[in-house]
Amino acid sequence: MTEAHKNLALPALQKRGRDRQQSLLDAAEALIVERGLEGFAMADVAKRAKAAHGSLYQFFASRTAILVTLHARHIERLKAALAGASAMLKAGSARPPPKVFLEAYLAPLQAFMEANPAYRILRLGMPEDWEGAGQEAALDSGLVTELTNMLAWLAPEAPAATRNLSAQILLQVVDALFVLNVSDDMKAEATRLLEMYLGDLAGRYAGGAFGEIA
């Protein structure tokens, strides 16, 4: 094989490697949902992915490595979902009512949780000092910053400290709703209370009216 052919083959090999890694992560996620964090071995992951046992170790040195990588994939998907929600709100020319603002964040979270059921198990079942803890802290910090900025659309005159505190409250309540998998009735009631809270914030600092932003 010539050097030029090697260069052409490299991207294909890299893609196959990425595809194989993703199939292994998909297999691990399915096993976590079925059996929990401790209910499977490395051999089970390889068998579920229809991969050679030895090839698994080319990508992951241990079960912990699989769990950390899987969680990192969850984090990236969650960040992308929420970034899309933020972009939609920013694209609007009018300040969104509290209900629209809240739905814009709850909808992608709900869709993410339904598409990634192992995320909840990982969040609740891993020790606090595991490698994913830092990812969670960074994600939460980024979401608070994003929500703080977005709350300026609801209450542009509110002090930054007030918007930051409101963002933290929103994040903690929504996190509990989805990660703890509370009942639909409780979600509906919590959503109603959050909508009231945002309405009060907007009324106090934005003159109580919604419309075009100058």
N, C-alpha and C. Protein backbone atom coordinates (compact mmCIF):
# COMPACT_ATOMS: atom_id res chain seq x y z
N MET A 1 0.85 -1.20 0.00
CA MET A 1 0.00 0.00 0.00
C MET A 1 0.88 1.24 0.00
N THR A 2 0.62 2.17 -0.92
CA THR A 2 1.40 3.39 -1.00
C THR A 2 1.07 4.30 0.17
N GLU A 3 1.93 5.30 0.39
CA GLU A 3 1.70 6.25 1.47
C GLU A 3 0.40 7.00 1.26
N ALA A 4 0.10 7.32 -0.01
CA ALA A 4 -1.15 8.03 -0.31
C ALA A 4 -2.35 7.17 0.04
N HIS A 5 -2.26 5.87 -0.29
CA HIS A 5 -3.36 4.96 0.04
C HIS A 5 -3.52 4.81 1.55
N LYS A 6 -2.41 4.79 2.26
CA LYS A 6 -2.47 4.72 3.73
C LYS A 6 -3.21 5.92 4.29
N ASN A 7 -2.90 7.11 3.74
CA ASN A 7 -3.55 8.33 4.22
C ASN A 7 -5.04 8.30 3.95
N LEU A 8 -5.43 7.73 2.79
CA LEU A 8 -6.85 7.63 2.48
C LEU A 8 -7.56 6.62 3.36
N ALA A 9 -6.86 5.57 3.74
CA ALA A 9 -7.46 4.51 4.54
C ALA A 9 -7.62 4.92 6.00
N LEU A 10 -6.76 5.84 6.46
CA LEU A 10 -6.77 6.21 7.88
C LEU A 10 -8.11 6.73 8.36
N PRO A 11 -8.77 7.68 7.65
CA PRO A 11 -10.08 8.16 8.13
C PRO A 11 -11.10 7.04 8.24
N ALA A 12 -11.07 6.09 7.28
CA ALA A 12 -12.01 4.98 7.34
C ALA A 12 -11.76 4.11 8.55
N LEU A 13 -10.47 3.86 8.84
CA LEU A 13 -10.12 3.08 10.02
C LEU A 13 -10.55 3.80 11.29
N GLN A 14 -10.36 5.10 11.32
CA GLN A 14 -10.76 5.88 12.49
C GLN A 14 -12.28 5.83 12.67
N LYS A 15 -13.01 5.92 11.57
CA LYS A 15 -14.47 5.85 11.65
C LYS A 15 -14.92 4.49 12.16
N ARG A 16 -14.29 3.42 11.66
CA ARG A 16 -14.65 2.09 12.13
C ARG A 16 -14.37 1.95 13.62
N GLY A 17 -13.25 2.54 14.05
CA GLY A 17 -12.93 2.50 15.47
C GLY A 17 -13.95 3.24 16.31
N ARG A 18 -14.37 4.43 15.83
CA ARG A 18 -15.39 5.20 16.56
C ARG A 18 -16.71 4.45 16.58
N ASP A 19 -17.06 3.85 15.43
CA ASP A 19 -18.31 3.10 15.37
C ASP A 19 -18.28 1.91 16.33
N ARG A 20 -17.13 1.21 16.39
CA ARG A 20 -17.00 0.07 17.29
C ARG A 20 -17.11 0.53 18.74
N GLN A 21 -16.46 1.65 19.06
CA GLN A 21 -16.55 2.16 20.43
C GLN A 21 -17.99 2.50 20.80
N GLN A 22 -18.70 3.14 19.86
CA GLN A 22 -20.08 3.51 20.15
C GLN A 22 -20.96 2.27 20.33
N SER A 23 -20.72 1.22 19.54
CA SER A 23 -21.52 0.00 19.69
C SER A 23 -21.25 -0.65 21.04
N LEU A 24 -20.01 -0.57 21.52
CA LEU A 24 -19.68 -1.11 22.84
C LEU A 24 -20.36 -0.29 23.94
N LEU A 25 -20.38 1.01 23.77
CA LEU A 25 -21.06 1.86 24.75
C LEU A 25 -22.56 1.62 24.74
N ASP A 26 -23.13 1.42 23.55
CA ASP A 26 -24.56 1.11 23.44
C ASP A 26 -24.87 -0.19 24.19
N ALA A 27 -23.98 -1.18 24.03
CA ALA A 27 -24.18 -2.46 24.71
C ALA A 27 -24.10 -2.29 26.22
N ALA A 28 -23.13 -1.52 26.68
CA ALA A 28 -22.99 -1.28 28.11
C ALA A 28 -24.21 -0.56 28.67
N GLU A 29 -24.72 0.42 27.92
CA GLU A 29 -25.89 1.16 28.37
C GLU A 29 -27.10 0.24 28.52
N ALA A 30 -27.29 -0.65 27.55
CA ALA A 30 -28.41 -1.59 27.62
C ALA A 30 -28.28 -2.50 28.84
N LEU A 31 -27.07 -2.94 29.14
CA LEU A 31 -26.84 -3.81 30.29
C LEU A 31 -27.08 -3.07 31.60
N ILE A 32 -26.68 -1.81 31.65
CA ILE A 32 -26.91 -1.01 32.87
C ILE A 32 -28.40 -0.89 33.14
N VAL A 33 -29.17 -0.63 32.11
CA VAL A 33 -30.62 -0.49 32.27
C VAL A 33 -31.23 -1.81 32.74
N GLU A 34 -30.74 -2.91 32.20
CA GLU A 34 -31.30 -4.23 32.53
C GLU A 34 -30.85 -4.73 33.90
N ARG A 35 -29.56 -4.52 34.23
CA ARG A 35 -28.98 -5.20 35.39
C ARG A 35 -28.42 -4.26 36.46
N GLY A 36 -28.34 -2.98 36.19
CA GLY A 36 -27.72 -2.07 37.14
C GLY A 36 -26.22 -1.96 36.92
N LEU A 37 -25.56 -1.11 37.70
CA LEU A 37 -24.14 -0.83 37.50
C LEU A 37 -23.25 -2.03 37.80
N GLU A 38 -23.65 -2.86 38.74
CA GLU A 38 -22.80 -3.97 39.15
C GLU A 38 -23.23 -5.30 38.55
N GLY A 39 -24.21 -5.29 37.67
CA GLY A 39 -24.78 -6.54 37.19
C GLY A 39 -24.19 -7.11 35.93
N PHE A 40 -23.04 -6.61 35.49
CA PHE A 40 -22.46 -7.14 34.26
C PHE A 40 -20.94 -7.06 34.33
N ALA A 41 -20.30 -7.90 33.52
CA ALA A 41 -18.84 -7.92 33.43
C ALA A 41 -18.42 -7.46 32.04
N MET A 42 -17.12 -7.28 31.87
CA MET A 42 -16.60 -6.86 30.58
C MET A 42 -17.00 -7.84 29.48
N ALA A 43 -16.96 -9.13 29.79
CA ALA A 43 -17.32 -10.15 28.80
C ALA A 43 -18.77 -9.98 28.34
N ASP A 44 -19.64 -9.54 29.25
CA ASP A 44 -21.04 -9.33 28.88
C ASP A 44 -21.19 -8.21 27.86
N VAL A 45 -20.39 -7.17 28.03
CA VAL A 45 -20.43 -6.05 27.09
C VAL A 45 -19.99 -6.51 25.69
N ALA A 46 -18.90 -7.26 25.65
CA ALA A 46 -18.41 -7.75 24.36
C ALA A 46 -19.44 -8.67 23.71
N LYS A 47 -20.04 -9.54 24.50
CA LYS A 47 -21.04 -10.47 23.96
C LYS A 47 -22.25 -9.71 23.42
N ARG A 48 -22.74 -8.71 24.17
CA ARG A 48 -23.91 -7.94 23.74
C ARG A 48 -23.60 -7.18 22.45
N ALA A 49 -22.38 -6.67 22.32
CA ALA A 49 -21.98 -5.91 21.12
C ALA A 49 -21.52 -6.82 19.99
N LYS A 50 -21.49 -8.14 20.24
CA LYS A 50 -21.02 -9.12 19.25
C LYS A 50 -19.60 -8.79 18.81
N ALA A 51 -18.77 -8.50 19.81
CA ALA A 51 -17.37 -8.18 19.57
C ALA A 51 -16.48 -9.19 20.29
N ALA A 52 -15.27 -9.35 19.79
CA ALA A 52 -14.31 -10.24 20.45
C ALA A 52 -13.97 -9.66 21.82
N HIS A 53 -13.86 -10.56 22.81
CA HIS A 53 -13.58 -10.09 24.17
C HIS A 53 -12.30 -9.27 24.21
N GLY A 54 -11.26 -9.74 23.49
CA GLY A 54 -9.99 -9.03 23.50
C GLY A 54 -10.07 -7.65 22.88
N SER A 55 -10.94 -7.50 21.87
CA SER A 55 -11.04 -6.20 21.21
C SER A 55 -11.63 -5.14 22.13
N LEU A 56 -12.42 -5.57 23.10
CA LEU A 56 -13.00 -4.61 24.04
C LEU A 56 -11.92 -3.82 24.76
N TYR A 57 -10.82 -4.50 25.11
CA TYR A 57 -9.75 -3.85 25.87
C TYR A 57 -8.92 -2.90 25.01
N GLN A 58 -9.13 -2.93 23.72
CA GLN A 58 -8.48 -1.93 22.88
C GLN A 58 -9.08 -0.55 23.09
N PHE A 59 -10.31 -0.53 23.58
CA PHE A 59 -11.01 0.74 23.78
C PHE A 59 -11.17 1.09 25.26
N PHE A 60 -11.35 0.09 26.11
CA PHE A 60 -11.63 0.34 27.52
C PHE A 60 -10.81 -0.61 28.39
N ALA A 61 -10.09 -0.05 29.32
CA ALA A 61 -9.23 -0.87 30.17
C ALA A 61 -9.99 -1.56 31.29
N SER A 62 -11.19 -1.06 31.61
CA SER A 62 -11.94 -1.61 32.74
C SER A 62 -13.41 -1.21 32.64
N ARG A 63 -14.23 -1.79 33.52
CA ARG A 63 -15.64 -1.41 33.58
C ARG A 63 -15.78 0.07 33.93
N THR A 64 -14.92 0.54 34.84
CA THR A 64 -14.98 1.96 35.21
C THR A 64 -14.73 2.85 34.01
N ALA A 65 -13.79 2.46 33.16
CA ALA A 65 -13.49 3.25 31.96
C ALA A 65 -14.71 3.30 31.05
N ILE A 66 -15.43 2.20 30.95
CA ILE A 66 -16.66 2.18 30.14
C ILE A 66 -17.68 3.14 30.73
N LEU A 67 -17.88 3.08 32.05
CA LEU A 67 -18.88 3.91 32.69
C LEU A 67 -18.55 5.39 32.56
N VAL A 68 -17.28 5.74 32.74
CA VAL A 68 -16.87 7.14 32.63
C VAL A 68 -17.07 7.65 31.21
N THR A 69 -16.69 6.83 30.22
CA THR A 69 -16.84 7.24 28.82
C THR A 69 -18.31 7.35 28.44
N LEU A 70 -19.12 6.41 28.93
CA LEU A 70 -20.55 6.46 28.65
C LEU A 70 -21.16 7.72 29.26
N HIS A 71 -20.76 8.05 30.47
CA HIS A 71 -21.30 9.24 31.12
C HIS A 71 -20.87 10.50 30.38
N ALA A 72 -19.62 10.51 29.89
CA ALA A 72 -19.15 11.66 29.12
C ALA A 72 -19.99 11.84 27.85
N ARG A 73 -20.39 10.71 27.23
CA ARG A 73 -21.26 10.79 26.06
C ARG A 73 -22.62 11.37 26.44
N HIS A 74 -23.14 10.97 27.58
CA HIS A 74 -24.39 11.54 28.07
C HIS A 74 -24.27 13.05 28.25
N ILE A 75 -23.19 13.48 28.86
CA ILE A 75 -22.99 14.91 29.13
C ILE A 75 -22.98 15.70 27.83
N GLU A 76 -22.27 15.20 26.82
CA GLU A 76 -22.21 15.90 25.54
C GLU A 76 -23.59 15.97 24.89
N ARG A 77 -24.35 14.90 24.97
CA ARG A 77 -25.70 14.91 24.39
C ARG A 77 -26.61 15.89 25.13
N LEU A 78 -26.48 15.92 26.46
CA LEU A 78 -27.31 16.82 27.24
C LEU A 78 -26.95 18.27 26.96
N LYS A 79 -25.67 18.57 26.87
CA LYS A 79 -25.24 19.93 26.55
C LYS A 79 -25.76 20.36 25.18
N ALA A 80 -25.71 19.45 24.22
CA ALA A 80 -26.19 19.78 22.87
C ALA A 80 -27.69 20.05 22.88
N ALA A 81 -28.44 19.26 23.64
CA ALA A 81 -29.89 19.44 23.70
C ALA A 81 -30.24 20.80 24.30
N LEU A 82 -29.56 21.16 25.38
CA LEU A 82 -29.86 22.43 26.04
C LEU A 82 -29.34 23.62 25.23
N ALA A 83 -28.24 23.42 24.52
CA ALA A 83 -27.74 24.50 23.66
C ALA A 83 -28.75 24.79 22.55
N GLY A 84 -29.37 23.74 22.03
CA GLY A 84 -30.40 23.94 21.02
C GLY A 84 -31.59 24.70 21.55
N ALA A 85 -31.98 24.40 22.79
CA ALA A 85 -33.09 25.11 23.41
C ALA A 85 -32.75 26.58 23.60
N SER A 86 -31.54 26.86 24.03
CA SER A 86 -31.11 28.25 24.22
C SER A 86 -31.09 29.00 22.91
N ALA A 87 -30.62 28.34 21.86
CA ALA A 87 -30.56 28.99 20.55
C ALA A 87 -31.96 29.36 20.06
N MET A 88 -32.94 28.50 20.32
CA MET A 88 -34.31 28.78 19.90
C MET A 88 -34.85 30.00 20.63
N LEU A 89 -34.58 30.10 21.93
CA LEU A 89 -35.06 31.26 22.68
C LEU A 89 -34.37 32.54 22.23
N LYS A 90 -33.08 32.44 21.98
CA LYS A 90 -32.33 33.63 21.56
C LYS A 90 -32.76 34.11 20.18
N ALA A 91 -33.23 33.18 19.36
CA ALA A 91 -33.62 33.53 17.99
C ALA A 91 -34.90 34.35 17.95
N GLY A 92 -35.70 34.27 19.00
CA GLY A 92 -36.95 35.01 19.04
C GLY A 92 -36.73 36.49 19.28
N SER A 93 -37.58 37.30 18.68
CA SER A 93 -37.44 38.75 18.84
C SER A 93 -38.21 39.25 20.06
N ALA A 94 -39.12 38.44 20.57
CA ALA A 94 -39.92 38.87 21.71
C ALA A 94 -39.50 38.12 22.97
N ARG A 95 -39.66 38.77 24.10
CA ARG A 95 -39.36 38.13 25.37
C ARG A 95 -40.39 37.03 25.62
N PRO A 96 -39.95 35.78 25.83
CA PRO A 96 -40.91 34.68 25.96
C PRO A 96 -41.63 34.72 27.30
N PRO A 97 -42.92 34.38 27.34
CA PRO A 97 -43.63 34.25 28.61
C PRO A 97 -42.97 33.15 29.45
N PRO A 98 -43.16 33.16 30.76
CA PRO A 98 -42.56 32.14 31.62
C PRO A 98 -42.84 30.71 31.17
N LYS A 99 -44.08 30.44 30.73
CA LYS A 99 -44.43 29.09 30.32
C LYS A 99 -43.60 28.65 29.11
N VAL A 100 -43.44 29.53 28.15
CA VAL A 100 -42.65 29.20 26.95
C VAL A 100 -41.18 29.00 27.33
N PHE A 101 -40.68 29.89 28.18
CA PHE A 101 -39.30 29.78 28.64
C PHE A 101 -39.07 28.44 29.32
N LEU A 102 -39.97 28.06 30.20
CA LEU A 102 -39.81 26.83 30.96
C LEU A 102 -39.92 25.60 30.05
N GLU A 103 -40.90 25.62 29.16
CA GLU A 103 -41.08 24.48 28.26
C GLU A 103 -39.86 24.29 27.36
N ALA A 104 -39.21 25.39 27.00
CA ALA A 104 -38.05 25.30 26.12
C ALA A 104 -36.92 24.50 26.77
N TYR A 105 -36.83 24.54 28.10
CA TYR A 105 -35.80 23.78 28.80
C TYR A 105 -36.28 22.40 29.24
N LEU A 106 -37.55 22.29 29.61
CA LEU A 106 -38.05 21.00 30.08
C LEU A 106 -38.17 19.99 28.94
N ALA A 107 -38.59 20.43 27.78
CA ALA A 107 -38.82 19.51 26.66
C ALA A 107 -37.55 18.75 26.26
N PRO A 108 -36.41 19.43 26.03
CA PRO A 108 -35.21 18.67 25.66
C PRO A 108 -34.70 17.79 26.79
N LEU A 109 -34.90 18.20 28.05
CA LEU A 109 -34.49 17.36 29.17
C LEU A 109 -35.32 16.08 29.21
N GLN A 110 -36.61 16.22 28.99
CA GLN A 110 -37.49 15.05 28.97
C GLN A 110 -37.08 14.10 27.84
N ALA A 111 -36.84 14.65 26.67
CA ALA A 111 -36.44 13.84 25.52
C ALA A 111 -35.10 13.15 25.78
N PHE A 112 -34.18 13.87 26.41
CA PHE A 112 -32.87 13.28 26.71
C PHE A 112 -33.01 12.12 27.68
N MET A 113 -33.79 12.29 28.74
CA MET A 113 -33.95 11.23 29.73
C MET A 113 -34.60 9.99 29.12
N GLU A 114 -35.55 10.19 28.24
CA GLU A 114 -36.20 9.06 27.59
C GLU A 114 -35.25 8.32 26.65
N ALA A 115 -34.37 9.06 26.00
CA ALA A 115 -33.44 8.45 25.05
C ALA A 115 -32.21 7.85 25.72
N ASN A 116 -31.90 8.28 26.96
CA ASN A 116 -30.70 7.83 27.66
C ASN A 116 -31.04 7.38 29.08
N PRO A 117 -31.74 6.26 29.21
CA PRO A 117 -32.19 5.83 30.54
C PRO A 117 -31.07 5.49 31.51
N ALA A 118 -29.89 5.14 30.99
CA ALA A 118 -28.78 4.79 31.89
C ALA A 118 -28.21 6.01 32.60
N TYR A 119 -28.47 7.21 32.07
CA TYR A 119 -27.92 8.42 32.70
C TYR A 119 -28.39 8.54 34.14
N ARG A 120 -29.66 8.30 34.39
CA ARG A 120 -30.21 8.41 35.74
C ARG A 120 -29.53 7.40 36.67
N ILE A 121 -29.32 6.18 36.18
CA ILE A 121 -28.69 5.14 36.99
C ILE A 121 -27.25 5.51 37.33
N LEU A 122 -26.54 6.05 36.35
CA LEU A 122 -25.16 6.48 36.59
C LEU A 122 -25.11 7.62 37.59
N ARG A 123 -25.99 8.60 37.44
CA ARG A 123 -26.00 9.75 38.35
C ARG A 123 -26.25 9.32 39.79
N LEU A 124 -27.17 8.40 39.99
CA LEU A 124 -27.57 8.03 41.34
C LEU A 124 -26.72 6.92 41.92
N GLY A 125 -26.06 6.12 41.08
CA GLY A 125 -25.38 4.94 41.58
C GLY A 125 -23.89 5.03 41.73
N MET A 126 -23.25 6.01 41.12
CA MET A 126 -21.79 6.10 41.20
C MET A 126 -21.36 6.89 42.43
N PRO A 127 -20.21 6.54 43.01
CA PRO A 127 -19.72 7.28 44.19
C PRO A 127 -19.40 8.73 43.85
N GLU A 128 -19.44 9.58 44.87
CA GLU A 128 -19.24 11.01 44.63
C GLU A 128 -17.84 11.33 44.10
N ASP A 129 -16.85 10.48 44.42
CA ASP A 129 -15.48 10.79 44.01
C ASP A 129 -15.09 10.13 42.69
N TRP A 130 -16.08 9.60 41.95
CA TRP A 130 -15.72 8.97 40.69
C TRP A 130 -15.35 10.02 39.67
N GLU A 131 -14.76 9.58 38.56
CA GLU A 131 -14.19 10.52 37.59
C GLU A 131 -15.25 11.40 36.93
N GLY A 132 -16.50 10.95 36.91
CA GLY A 132 -17.55 11.74 36.28
C GLY A 132 -18.04 12.90 37.11
N ALA A 133 -17.65 12.93 38.41
CA ALA A 133 -18.13 14.00 39.29
C ALA A 133 -17.70 15.37 38.78
N GLY A 134 -16.48 15.46 38.28
CA GLY A 134 -16.00 16.73 37.76
C GLY A 134 -16.78 17.17 36.54
N GLN A 135 -17.18 16.22 35.71
CA GLN A 135 -18.00 16.54 34.54
C GLN A 135 -19.35 17.09 34.97
N GLU A 136 -19.93 16.49 36.00
CA GLU A 136 -21.22 16.96 36.50
C GLU A 136 -21.10 18.39 37.01
N ALA A 137 -20.06 18.66 37.78
CA ALA A 137 -19.87 20.00 38.34
C ALA A 137 -19.69 21.03 37.23
N ALA A 138 -18.91 20.67 36.21
CA ALA A 138 -18.69 21.60 35.10
C ALA A 138 -19.98 21.83 34.33
N LEU A 139 -20.76 20.75 34.13
CA LEU A 139 -22.03 20.89 33.42
C LEU A 139 -22.97 21.79 34.21
N ASP A 140 -23.11 21.54 35.50
CA ASP A 140 -24.01 22.35 36.32
C ASP A 140 -23.61 23.81 36.30
N SER A 141 -22.31 24.07 36.39
CA SER A 141 -21.82 25.45 36.36
C SER A 141 -22.16 26.11 35.03
N GLY A 142 -21.97 25.37 33.94
CA GLY A 142 -22.29 25.92 32.62
C GLY A 142 -23.77 26.18 32.45
N LEU A 143 -24.60 25.30 32.99
CA LEU A 143 -26.05 25.48 32.87
C LEU A 143 -26.52 26.67 33.70
N VAL A 144 -25.94 26.84 34.88
CA VAL A 144 -26.31 28.00 35.70
C VAL A 144 -25.97 29.29 34.96
N THR A 145 -24.78 29.33 34.35
CA THR A 145 -24.38 30.52 33.59
C THR A 145 -25.33 30.77 32.43
N GLU A 146 -25.66 29.70 31.69
CA GLU A 146 -26.56 29.83 30.54
C GLU A 146 -27.95 30.29 30.99
N LEU A 147 -28.47 29.68 32.04
CA LEU A 147 -29.79 30.04 32.54
C LEU A 147 -29.80 31.47 33.08
N THR A 148 -28.71 31.87 33.75
CA THR A 148 -28.61 33.24 34.26
C THR A 148 -28.70 34.24 33.12
N ASN A 149 -27.99 33.96 32.03
CA ASN A 149 -28.04 34.84 30.87
C ASN A 149 -29.43 34.84 30.22
N MET A 150 -30.05 33.66 30.12
CA MET A 150 -31.34 33.57 29.47
C MET A 150 -32.44 34.24 30.30
N LEU A 151 -32.28 34.24 31.63
CA LEU A 151 -33.29 34.88 32.48
C LEU A 151 -33.34 36.39 32.27
N ALA A 152 -32.30 36.93 31.66
CA ALA A 152 -32.33 38.35 31.33
C ALA A 152 -33.43 38.65 30.31
N TRP A 153 -33.87 37.64 29.56
CA TRP A 153 -34.96 37.84 28.61
C TRP A 153 -36.30 37.96 29.34
N LEU A 154 -36.40 37.34 30.48
CA LEU A 154 -37.63 37.44 31.26
C LEU A 154 -37.62 38.67 32.16
N ALA A 155 -36.46 38.94 32.75
CA ALA A 155 -36.36 40.04 33.71
C ALA A 155 -35.07 40.82 33.46
N PRO A 156 -35.03 41.63 32.40
CA PRO A 156 -33.79 42.33 32.03
C PRO A 156 -33.29 43.30 33.09
N GLU A 157 -34.18 43.76 33.97
CA GLU A 157 -33.75 44.71 34.99
C GLU A 157 -33.34 44.02 36.29
N ALA A 158 -33.50 42.72 36.38
CA ALA A 158 -33.15 42.00 37.61
C ALA A 158 -31.63 42.00 37.79
N PRO A 159 -31.15 42.17 39.02
CA PRO A 159 -29.71 42.11 39.27
C PRO A 159 -29.15 40.75 38.87
N ALA A 160 -27.91 40.73 38.47
CA ALA A 160 -27.28 39.48 38.03
C ALA A 160 -27.30 38.44 39.16
N ALA A 161 -27.12 38.88 40.40
CA ALA A 161 -27.12 37.96 41.52
C ALA A 161 -28.48 37.29 41.70
N THR A 162 -29.56 38.06 41.45
CA THR A 162 -30.91 37.50 41.55
C THR A 162 -31.15 36.48 40.45
N ARG A 163 -30.71 36.80 39.23
CA ARG A 163 -30.88 35.87 38.13
C ARG A 163 -30.05 34.60 38.35
N ASN A 164 -28.86 34.76 38.90
CA ASN A 164 -28.02 33.61 39.18
C ASN A 164 -28.66 32.70 40.23
N LEU A 165 -29.22 33.28 41.28
CA LEU A 165 -29.89 32.48 42.30
C LEU A 165 -31.11 31.78 41.72
N SER A 166 -31.86 32.48 40.90
CA SER A 166 -33.03 31.87 40.25
C SER A 166 -32.61 30.72 39.35
N ALA A 167 -31.50 30.89 38.65
CA ALA A 167 -30.99 29.82 37.78
C ALA A 167 -30.62 28.59 38.59
N GLN A 168 -30.01 28.79 39.74
CA GLN A 168 -29.64 27.66 40.59
C GLN A 168 -30.88 26.92 41.09
N ILE A 169 -31.91 27.69 41.46
CA ILE A 169 -33.16 27.08 41.92
C ILE A 169 -33.79 26.25 40.81
N LEU A 170 -33.86 26.83 39.61
CA LEU A 170 -34.42 26.12 38.47
C LEU A 170 -33.67 24.82 38.20
N LEU A 171 -32.34 24.91 38.20
CA LEU A 171 -31.53 23.74 37.90
C LEU A 171 -31.74 22.63 38.93
N GLN A 172 -31.76 23.00 40.21
CA GLN A 172 -31.90 21.99 41.25
C GLN A 172 -33.27 21.32 41.21
N VAL A 173 -34.32 22.11 40.99
CA VAL A 173 -35.66 21.53 40.94
C VAL A 173 -35.82 20.64 39.72
N VAL A 174 -35.40 21.13 38.57
CA VAL A 174 -35.53 20.34 37.35
C VAL A 174 -34.68 19.08 37.43
N ASP A 175 -33.49 19.19 38.00
CA ASP A 175 -32.63 18.03 38.16
C ASP A 175 -33.32 16.96 39.00
N ALA A 176 -33.96 17.38 40.09
CA ALA A 176 -34.68 16.44 40.94
C ALA A 176 -35.85 15.80 40.20
N LEU A 177 -36.55 16.58 39.41
CA LEU A 177 -37.71 16.06 38.69
C LEU A 177 -37.33 14.93 37.75
N PHE A 178 -36.23 15.12 37.02
CA PHE A 178 -35.88 14.16 35.99
C PHE A 178 -34.95 13.05 36.48
N VAL A 179 -33.95 13.39 37.28
CA VAL A 179 -33.01 12.37 37.74
C VAL A 179 -33.68 11.42 38.73
N LEU A 180 -34.51 11.96 39.64
CA LEU A 180 -35.18 11.11 40.61
C LEU A 180 -36.41 10.43 40.03
N ASN A 181 -36.81 10.83 38.82
CA ASN A 181 -37.92 10.18 38.11
C ASN A 181 -39.20 10.21 38.95
N VAL A 182 -39.61 11.40 39.35
CA VAL A 182 -40.82 11.53 40.16
C VAL A 182 -42.05 11.28 39.31
N SER A 183 -43.20 11.17 39.96
CA SER A 183 -44.44 10.87 39.26
C SER A 183 -44.84 12.02 38.34
N ASP A 184 -45.70 11.71 37.38
CA ASP A 184 -46.17 12.73 36.44
C ASP A 184 -46.93 13.84 37.17
N ASP A 185 -47.71 13.46 38.19
CA ASP A 185 -48.45 14.47 38.95
C ASP A 185 -47.51 15.43 39.65
N MET A 186 -46.44 14.89 40.23
CA MET A 186 -45.47 15.74 40.92
C MET A 186 -44.74 16.64 39.92
N LYS A 187 -44.42 16.10 38.75
CA LYS A 187 -43.77 16.92 37.72
C LYS A 187 -44.68 18.07 37.31
N ALA A 188 -45.97 17.76 37.13
CA ALA A 188 -46.91 18.79 36.71
C ALA A 188 -47.03 19.88 37.77
N GLU A 189 -47.09 19.48 39.04
CA GLU A 189 -47.21 20.47 40.11
C GLU A 189 -45.95 21.30 40.24
N ALA A 190 -44.79 20.65 40.15
CA ALA A 190 -43.52 21.38 40.23
C ALA A 190 -43.38 22.34 39.06
N THR A 191 -43.80 21.91 37.87
CA THR A 191 -43.75 22.78 36.70
C THR A 191 -44.65 24.00 36.88
N ARG A 192 -45.83 23.77 37.44
CA ARG A 192 -46.75 24.88 37.68
C ARG A 192 -46.14 25.88 38.67
N LEU A 193 -45.50 25.39 39.71
CA LEU A 193 -44.89 26.27 40.70
C LEU A 193 -43.71 27.03 40.10
N LEU A 194 -42.92 26.35 39.27
CA LEU A 194 -41.80 27.03 38.62
C LEU A 194 -42.30 28.12 37.68
N GLU A 195 -43.38 27.83 36.99
CA GLU A 195 -43.95 28.83 36.09
C GLU A 195 -44.42 30.05 36.88
N MET A 196 -45.04 29.82 38.03
CA MET A 196 -45.46 30.92 38.89
C MET A 196 -44.26 31.72 39.38
N TYR A 197 -43.21 31.00 39.75
CA TYR A 197 -41.99 31.65 40.23
C TYR A 197 -41.38 32.55 39.15
N LEU A 198 -41.31 32.03 37.94
CA LEU A 198 -40.76 32.83 36.84
C LEU A 198 -41.67 34.01 36.50
N GLY A 199 -42.97 33.79 36.60
CA GLY A 199 -43.90 34.89 36.36
C GLY A 199 -43.73 36.00 37.37
N ASP A 200 -43.51 35.63 38.63
CA ASP A 200 -43.28 36.62 39.67
C ASP A 200 -41.99 37.38 39.42
N LEU A 201 -40.94 36.65 39.01
CA LEU A 201 -39.66 37.29 38.71
C LEU A 201 -39.82 38.29 37.57
N ALA A 202 -40.52 37.87 36.51
CA ALA A 202 -40.72 38.75 35.37
C ALA A 202 -41.57 39.96 35.75
N GLY A 203 -42.59 39.74 36.58
CA GLY A 203 -43.47 40.83 36.98
C GLY A 203 -42.77 41.87 37.82
N ARG A 204 -41.85 41.41 38.68
CA ARG A 204 -41.15 42.34 39.57
C ARG A 204 -40.09 43.15 38.85
N TYR A 205 -39.45 42.57 37.86
CA TYR A 205 -38.29 43.23 37.26
C TYR A 205 -38.48 43.62 35.79
N ALA A 206 -39.57 43.18 35.18
CA ALA A 206 -39.76 43.50 33.76
C ALA A 206 -41.05 44.25 33.51
N GLY A 207 -41.60 44.82 34.55
CA GLY A 207 -42.81 45.62 34.38
C GLY A 207 -44.06 44.80 34.17
N GLY A 208 -43.92 43.47 34.26
CA GLY A 208 -45.08 42.60 34.14
C GLY A 208 -45.60 42.42 32.73
N ALA A 209 -44.96 42.99 31.71
CA ALA A 209 -45.45 42.88 30.33
C ALA A 209 -44.44 42.14 29.47
N PHE A 210 -44.94 41.41 28.48
CA PHE A 210 -44.10 40.69 27.58
C PHE A 210 -44.25 41.27 26.17
N GLY A 211 -43.15 41.42 25.48
CA GLY A 211 -43.23 41.97 24.12
C GLY A 211 -41.87 42.10 23.53
N GLU A 212 -41.72 43.04 22.61
CA GLU A 212 -40.47 43.21 21.91
C GLU A 212 -39.39 43.72 22.87
N ILE A 213 -38.19 43.21 22.66
CA ILE A 213 -37.05 43.66 23.45
C ILE A 213 -36.33 44.76 22.69
N ALA A 214 -36.07 45.83 23.37
CA ALA A 214 -35.41 46.95 22.70
C ALA A 214 -33.96 46.62 22.42
